[in-house]
Amino acid sequence: MIEFDEFLKVEMRVGRIVAADPFPEARKPSVKLRIDFGPDIGERVSSAQLTVTYPDRSALVGRQVVAVMNFAPRRIAGFKSEVLVLGAMGDAGGVFLLTPDPPCAEGLRIG
């Protein structure tokens, strides 16, 4: 159990995927994402293991996602991942992206 104040320290925001590129250098099949979090925050990059659930990378472009903004960046196969994109983890390696419904403005905080 954690206290609610601990949860509030995690900064999650809505962004829109503007590019999804192959990432063959990653140990596990992954995609490099460029995500727009609106004019106040701008774009950030992330890598995500989405190839099982989303085999067509182009289908990711334009989708809204939820990401954790305030984790320290991580180096993954020489790539600096700046945010953690959130998804539900399936049994067979599938990751199902969390998306606001209905769509909303990029940059909105999740709380």
N, C-alpha and C. Protein backbone atom coordinates (compact mmCIF):
# COMPACT_ATOMS: atom_id res chain seq x y z
N MET A 1 0.84 -1.18 0.00
CA MET A 1 0.00 0.00 0.00
C MET A 1 0.88 1.24 0.00
N ILE A 2 0.46 2.25 -0.74
CA ILE A 2 1.15 3.53 -0.72
C ILE A 2 0.14 4.60 -0.31
N GLU A 3 0.67 5.68 0.16
CA GLU A 3 -0.17 6.81 0.52
C GLU A 3 -0.55 7.58 -0.75
N PHE A 4 -1.70 8.23 -0.72
CA PHE A 4 -2.17 9.01 -1.87
C PHE A 4 -1.16 10.08 -2.26
N ASP A 5 -0.50 10.68 -1.30
CA ASP A 5 0.51 11.71 -1.59
C ASP A 5 1.65 11.15 -2.44
N GLU A 6 1.99 9.88 -2.26
CA GLU A 6 3.03 9.24 -3.07
C GLU A 6 2.56 9.11 -4.52
N PHE A 7 1.30 8.71 -4.71
CA PHE A 7 0.74 8.59 -6.05
C PHE A 7 0.78 9.95 -6.77
N LEU A 8 0.47 11.01 -6.05
CA LEU A 8 0.43 12.34 -6.66
C LEU A 8 1.79 12.81 -7.17
N LYS A 9 2.87 12.18 -6.72
CA LYS A 9 4.20 12.54 -7.19
C LYS A 9 4.46 12.08 -8.62
N VAL A 10 3.69 11.09 -9.08
CA VAL A 10 3.86 10.58 -10.44
C VAL A 10 3.11 11.51 -11.39
N GLU A 11 3.87 12.16 -12.29
CA GLU A 11 3.27 13.08 -13.24
C GLU A 11 2.96 12.34 -14.54
N MET A 12 1.68 12.10 -14.77
CA MET A 12 1.22 11.43 -15.99
C MET A 12 0.47 12.44 -16.84
N ARG A 13 0.76 12.43 -18.14
CA ARG A 13 0.12 13.38 -19.05
C ARG A 13 -0.28 12.69 -20.35
N VAL A 14 -1.21 13.34 -21.05
CA VAL A 14 -1.68 12.86 -22.34
C VAL A 14 -0.79 13.44 -23.44
N GLY A 15 -0.41 12.58 -24.36
CA GLY A 15 0.36 13.01 -25.53
C GLY A 15 -0.18 12.35 -26.78
N ARG A 16 0.28 12.81 -27.94
CA ARG A 16 -0.13 12.24 -29.22
C ARG A 16 1.12 11.77 -29.95
N ILE A 17 1.12 10.52 -30.39
CA ILE A 17 2.25 9.96 -31.14
C ILE A 17 2.32 10.65 -32.50
N VAL A 18 3.49 11.23 -32.79
CA VAL A 18 3.68 11.90 -34.08
C VAL A 18 4.63 11.11 -34.99
N ALA A 19 5.37 10.16 -34.43
CA ALA A 19 6.24 9.30 -35.24
C ALA A 19 6.47 7.98 -34.50
N ALA A 20 6.53 6.91 -35.27
CA ALA A 20 6.80 5.57 -34.72
C ALA A 20 7.80 4.91 -35.66
N ASP A 21 9.04 4.79 -35.20
CA ASP A 21 10.12 4.29 -36.05
C ASP A 21 10.61 2.94 -35.56
N PRO A 22 11.17 2.14 -36.45
CA PRO A 22 11.72 0.84 -36.03
C PRO A 22 12.87 1.03 -35.06
N PHE A 23 13.07 0.05 -34.22
CA PHE A 23 14.16 0.09 -33.22
C PHE A 23 14.84 -1.28 -33.18
N PRO A 24 15.54 -1.64 -34.27
CA PRO A 24 16.15 -2.98 -34.36
C PRO A 24 17.27 -3.21 -33.35
N GLU A 25 17.86 -2.14 -32.80
CA GLU A 25 18.96 -2.29 -31.84
C GLU A 25 18.48 -2.77 -30.47
N ALA A 26 17.21 -2.63 -30.17
CA ALA A 26 16.67 -3.03 -28.86
C ALA A 26 16.75 -4.54 -28.70
N ARG A 27 17.00 -4.98 -27.47
CA ARG A 27 17.10 -6.40 -27.16
C ARG A 27 15.77 -7.11 -27.44
N LYS A 28 14.66 -6.48 -27.03
CA LYS A 28 13.32 -7.02 -27.29
C LYS A 28 12.69 -6.15 -28.38
N PRO A 29 11.90 -6.76 -29.27
CA PRO A 29 11.30 -5.98 -30.36
C PRO A 29 10.57 -4.74 -29.83
N SER A 30 10.96 -3.57 -30.32
CA SER A 30 10.44 -2.31 -29.82
C SER A 30 10.29 -1.29 -30.94
N VAL A 31 9.66 -0.18 -30.59
CA VAL A 31 9.43 0.93 -31.50
C VAL A 31 9.92 2.20 -30.81
N LYS A 32 10.55 3.09 -31.58
CA LYS A 32 10.90 4.42 -31.08
C LYS A 32 9.71 5.34 -31.35
N LEU A 33 9.23 6.00 -30.31
CA LEU A 33 8.09 6.90 -30.44
C LEU A 33 8.51 8.34 -30.20
N ARG A 34 7.96 9.24 -31.00
CA ARG A 34 8.06 10.67 -30.74
C ARG A 34 6.65 11.12 -30.40
N ILE A 35 6.50 11.75 -29.23
CA ILE A 35 5.18 12.06 -28.69
C ILE A 35 5.09 13.56 -28.41
N ASP A 36 4.00 14.16 -28.88
CA ASP A 36 3.76 15.59 -28.66
C ASP A 36 2.86 15.75 -27.43
N PHE A 37 3.36 16.50 -26.44
CA PHE A 37 2.61 16.76 -25.21
C PHE A 37 2.08 18.19 -25.17
N GLY A 38 1.91 18.81 -26.32
CA GLY A 38 1.32 20.14 -26.39
C GLY A 38 2.36 21.24 -26.31
N PRO A 39 1.92 22.49 -26.54
CA PRO A 39 2.86 23.61 -26.65
C PRO A 39 3.63 23.93 -25.37
N ASP A 40 3.07 23.65 -24.21
CA ASP A 40 3.77 23.97 -22.96
C ASP A 40 4.90 23.00 -22.65
N ILE A 41 4.80 21.77 -23.14
CA ILE A 41 5.79 20.73 -22.84
C ILE A 41 6.62 20.38 -24.07
N GLY A 42 5.98 20.27 -25.20
CA GLY A 42 6.68 19.92 -26.44
C GLY A 42 6.76 18.42 -26.65
N GLU A 43 7.71 18.01 -27.47
CA GLU A 43 7.86 16.60 -27.83
C GLU A 43 8.87 15.91 -26.93
N ARG A 44 8.60 14.64 -26.69
CA ARG A 44 9.50 13.76 -25.95
C ARG A 44 9.58 12.45 -26.73
N VAL A 45 10.64 11.67 -26.47
CA VAL A 45 10.80 10.38 -27.14
C VAL A 45 10.76 9.25 -26.12
N SER A 46 10.36 8.09 -26.62
CA SER A 46 10.27 6.91 -25.77
C SER A 46 10.45 5.68 -26.64
N SER A 47 10.88 4.59 -26.03
CA SER A 47 10.85 3.31 -26.73
C SER A 47 9.80 2.46 -26.03
N ALA A 48 9.12 1.64 -26.80
CA ALA A 48 8.04 0.83 -26.24
C ALA A 48 7.96 -0.50 -26.97
N GLN A 49 7.68 -1.55 -26.22
CA GLN A 49 7.56 -2.89 -26.77
C GLN A 49 6.12 -3.09 -27.26
N LEU A 50 5.84 -2.54 -28.43
CA LEU A 50 4.47 -2.53 -28.96
C LEU A 50 4.30 -3.38 -30.20
N THR A 51 5.33 -4.09 -30.63
CA THR A 51 5.29 -4.77 -31.92
C THR A 51 4.31 -5.94 -31.96
N VAL A 52 4.00 -6.55 -30.82
CA VAL A 52 3.05 -7.67 -30.80
C VAL A 52 1.63 -7.15 -31.03
N THR A 53 1.23 -6.16 -30.27
CA THR A 53 -0.14 -5.64 -30.34
C THR A 53 -0.34 -4.70 -31.52
N TYR A 54 0.70 -3.98 -31.89
CA TYR A 54 0.61 -2.99 -32.98
C TYR A 54 1.68 -3.29 -34.02
N PRO A 55 1.51 -4.36 -34.82
CA PRO A 55 2.56 -4.74 -35.79
C PRO A 55 2.75 -3.70 -36.89
N ASP A 56 1.72 -2.90 -37.18
CA ASP A 56 1.83 -1.85 -38.18
C ASP A 56 2.14 -0.54 -37.46
N ARG A 57 3.41 -0.14 -37.46
CA ARG A 57 3.83 1.08 -36.75
C ARG A 57 3.05 2.31 -37.18
N SER A 58 2.69 2.39 -38.45
CA SER A 58 1.99 3.57 -38.94
C SER A 58 0.63 3.75 -38.27
N ALA A 59 0.04 2.67 -37.77
CA ALA A 59 -1.25 2.76 -37.07
C ALA A 59 -1.11 3.45 -35.71
N LEU A 60 0.11 3.56 -35.20
CA LEU A 60 0.33 4.24 -33.92
C LEU A 60 0.31 5.76 -34.07
N VAL A 61 0.70 6.25 -35.23
CA VAL A 61 0.79 7.70 -35.46
C VAL A 61 -0.62 8.31 -35.37
N GLY A 62 -0.72 9.35 -34.56
CA GLY A 62 -1.99 10.03 -34.35
C GLY A 62 -2.74 9.57 -33.11
N ARG A 63 -2.34 8.46 -32.53
CA ARG A 63 -3.00 7.95 -31.32
C ARG A 63 -2.61 8.76 -30.10
N GLN A 64 -3.56 8.98 -29.23
CA GLN A 64 -3.23 9.59 -27.94
C GLN A 64 -2.81 8.48 -26.97
N VAL A 65 -1.86 8.83 -26.10
CA VAL A 65 -1.34 7.90 -25.10
C VAL A 65 -1.20 8.63 -23.77
N VAL A 66 -1.00 7.84 -22.72
CA VAL A 66 -0.70 8.38 -21.40
C VAL A 66 0.73 7.98 -21.07
N ALA A 67 1.51 8.94 -20.56
CA ALA A 67 2.91 8.66 -20.25
C ALA A 67 3.30 9.29 -18.92
N VAL A 68 4.25 8.63 -18.24
CA VAL A 68 4.85 9.18 -17.03
C VAL A 68 5.97 10.11 -17.47
N MET A 69 5.90 11.34 -16.99
CA MET A 69 6.83 12.38 -17.44
C MET A 69 8.03 12.55 -16.52
N ASN A 70 7.92 12.19 -15.25
CA ASN A 70 8.96 12.56 -14.29
C ASN A 70 9.80 11.40 -13.76
N PHE A 71 9.94 10.32 -14.55
CA PHE A 71 10.96 9.32 -14.26
C PHE A 71 12.25 9.81 -14.90
N ALA A 72 13.37 9.41 -14.35
CA ALA A 72 14.66 9.75 -14.96
C ALA A 72 14.75 9.07 -16.33
N PRO A 73 15.35 9.73 -17.33
CA PRO A 73 15.52 9.10 -18.64
C PRO A 73 16.32 7.80 -18.52
N ARG A 74 16.04 6.86 -19.43
CA ARG A 74 16.74 5.58 -19.45
C ARG A 74 17.38 5.40 -20.81
N ARG A 75 18.58 4.83 -20.81
CA ARG A 75 19.27 4.49 -22.06
C ARG A 75 18.89 3.06 -22.43
N ILE A 76 18.38 2.89 -23.63
CA ILE A 76 18.00 1.58 -24.12
C ILE A 76 18.68 1.41 -25.47
N ALA A 77 19.66 0.54 -25.52
CA ALA A 77 20.43 0.29 -26.75
C ALA A 77 20.93 1.60 -27.36
N GLY A 78 21.45 2.49 -26.51
CA GLY A 78 22.01 3.75 -26.96
C GLY A 78 20.97 4.84 -27.21
N PHE A 79 19.70 4.55 -27.03
CA PHE A 79 18.61 5.51 -27.26
C PHE A 79 18.14 6.04 -25.91
N LYS A 80 18.00 7.37 -25.79
CA LYS A 80 17.57 7.99 -24.55
C LYS A 80 16.05 8.08 -24.53
N SER A 81 15.42 7.23 -23.73
CA SER A 81 13.97 7.22 -23.58
C SER A 81 13.60 8.20 -22.47
N GLU A 82 12.83 9.24 -22.82
CA GLU A 82 12.56 10.34 -21.89
C GLU A 82 11.28 10.18 -21.07
N VAL A 83 10.30 9.41 -21.57
CA VAL A 83 9.04 9.20 -20.86
C VAL A 83 8.69 7.73 -20.91
N LEU A 84 7.83 7.30 -19.98
CA LEU A 84 7.34 5.92 -19.96
C LEU A 84 5.90 5.91 -20.43
N VAL A 85 5.66 5.32 -21.60
CA VAL A 85 4.31 5.19 -22.13
C VAL A 85 3.63 4.06 -21.38
N LEU A 86 2.39 4.30 -20.94
CA LEU A 86 1.68 3.32 -20.12
C LEU A 86 0.77 2.44 -20.96
N GLY A 87 0.71 1.16 -20.57
CA GLY A 87 -0.15 0.20 -21.25
C GLY A 87 -0.45 -0.97 -20.36
N ALA A 88 -1.53 -1.66 -20.68
CA ALA A 88 -1.89 -2.90 -19.99
C ALA A 88 -1.04 -4.02 -20.57
N MET A 89 -0.51 -4.88 -19.69
CA MET A 89 0.40 -5.93 -20.11
C MET A 89 -0.35 -7.24 -20.31
N GLY A 90 -0.38 -7.74 -21.55
CA GLY A 90 -1.04 -9.00 -21.86
C GLY A 90 -0.15 -10.20 -21.60
N ASP A 91 -0.74 -11.36 -21.55
CA ASP A 91 -0.01 -12.60 -21.26
C ASP A 91 0.99 -12.99 -22.35
N ALA A 92 0.67 -12.73 -23.60
CA ALA A 92 1.52 -13.17 -24.72
C ALA A 92 2.47 -12.07 -25.18
N GLY A 93 2.82 -11.14 -24.30
CA GLY A 93 3.76 -10.09 -24.66
C GLY A 93 3.12 -8.87 -25.28
N GLY A 94 1.81 -8.86 -25.37
CA GLY A 94 1.12 -7.70 -25.93
C GLY A 94 1.03 -6.58 -24.92
N VAL A 95 1.18 -5.36 -25.40
CA VAL A 95 1.00 -4.16 -24.58
C VAL A 95 -0.13 -3.36 -25.22
N PHE A 96 -1.16 -3.05 -24.42
CA PHE A 96 -2.34 -2.34 -24.90
C PHE A 96 -2.30 -0.92 -24.34
N LEU A 97 -2.07 0.04 -25.22
CA LEU A 97 -1.85 1.43 -24.82
C LEU A 97 -3.05 2.01 -24.06
N LEU A 98 -2.75 2.79 -23.02
CA LEU A 98 -3.79 3.53 -22.32
C LEU A 98 -4.07 4.81 -23.10
N THR A 99 -5.33 5.07 -23.34
CA THR A 99 -5.75 6.19 -24.17
C THR A 99 -6.94 6.88 -23.52
N PRO A 100 -6.96 8.23 -23.48
CA PRO A 100 -8.13 8.91 -22.93
C PRO A 100 -9.34 8.71 -23.83
N ASP A 101 -10.51 8.65 -23.23
CA ASP A 101 -11.74 8.49 -23.98
C ASP A 101 -12.81 9.38 -23.37
N PRO A 102 -13.30 10.35 -24.13
CA PRO A 102 -12.93 10.71 -25.50
C PRO A 102 -11.58 11.41 -25.55
N PRO A 103 -11.07 11.64 -26.76
CA PRO A 103 -9.79 12.36 -26.86
C PRO A 103 -9.85 13.72 -26.17
N CYS A 104 -8.68 14.18 -25.73
CA CYS A 104 -8.61 15.47 -25.04
C CYS A 104 -7.35 16.21 -25.50
N ALA A 105 -7.12 17.37 -24.94
CA ALA A 105 -5.96 18.18 -25.31
C ALA A 105 -4.65 17.51 -24.86
N GLU A 106 -3.63 17.58 -25.71
CA GLU A 106 -2.33 17.07 -25.34
C GLU A 106 -1.78 17.90 -24.18
N GLY A 107 -1.11 17.22 -23.25
CA GLY A 107 -0.51 17.90 -22.11
C GLY A 107 -1.36 17.84 -20.84
N LEU A 108 -2.64 17.44 -20.98
CA LEU A 108 -3.46 17.36 -19.77
C LEU A 108 -2.89 16.36 -18.79
N ARG A 109 -2.93 16.71 -17.52
CA ARG A 109 -2.40 15.84 -16.47
C ARG A 109 -3.43 14.80 -16.07
N ILE A 110 -2.95 13.60 -15.82
CA ILE A 110 -3.80 12.51 -15.34
C ILE A 110 -3.79 12.56 -13.82
N GLY A 111 -4.95 12.42 -13.22
CA GLY A 111 -4.99 12.48 -11.75
C GLY A 111 -6.18 11.78 -11.19
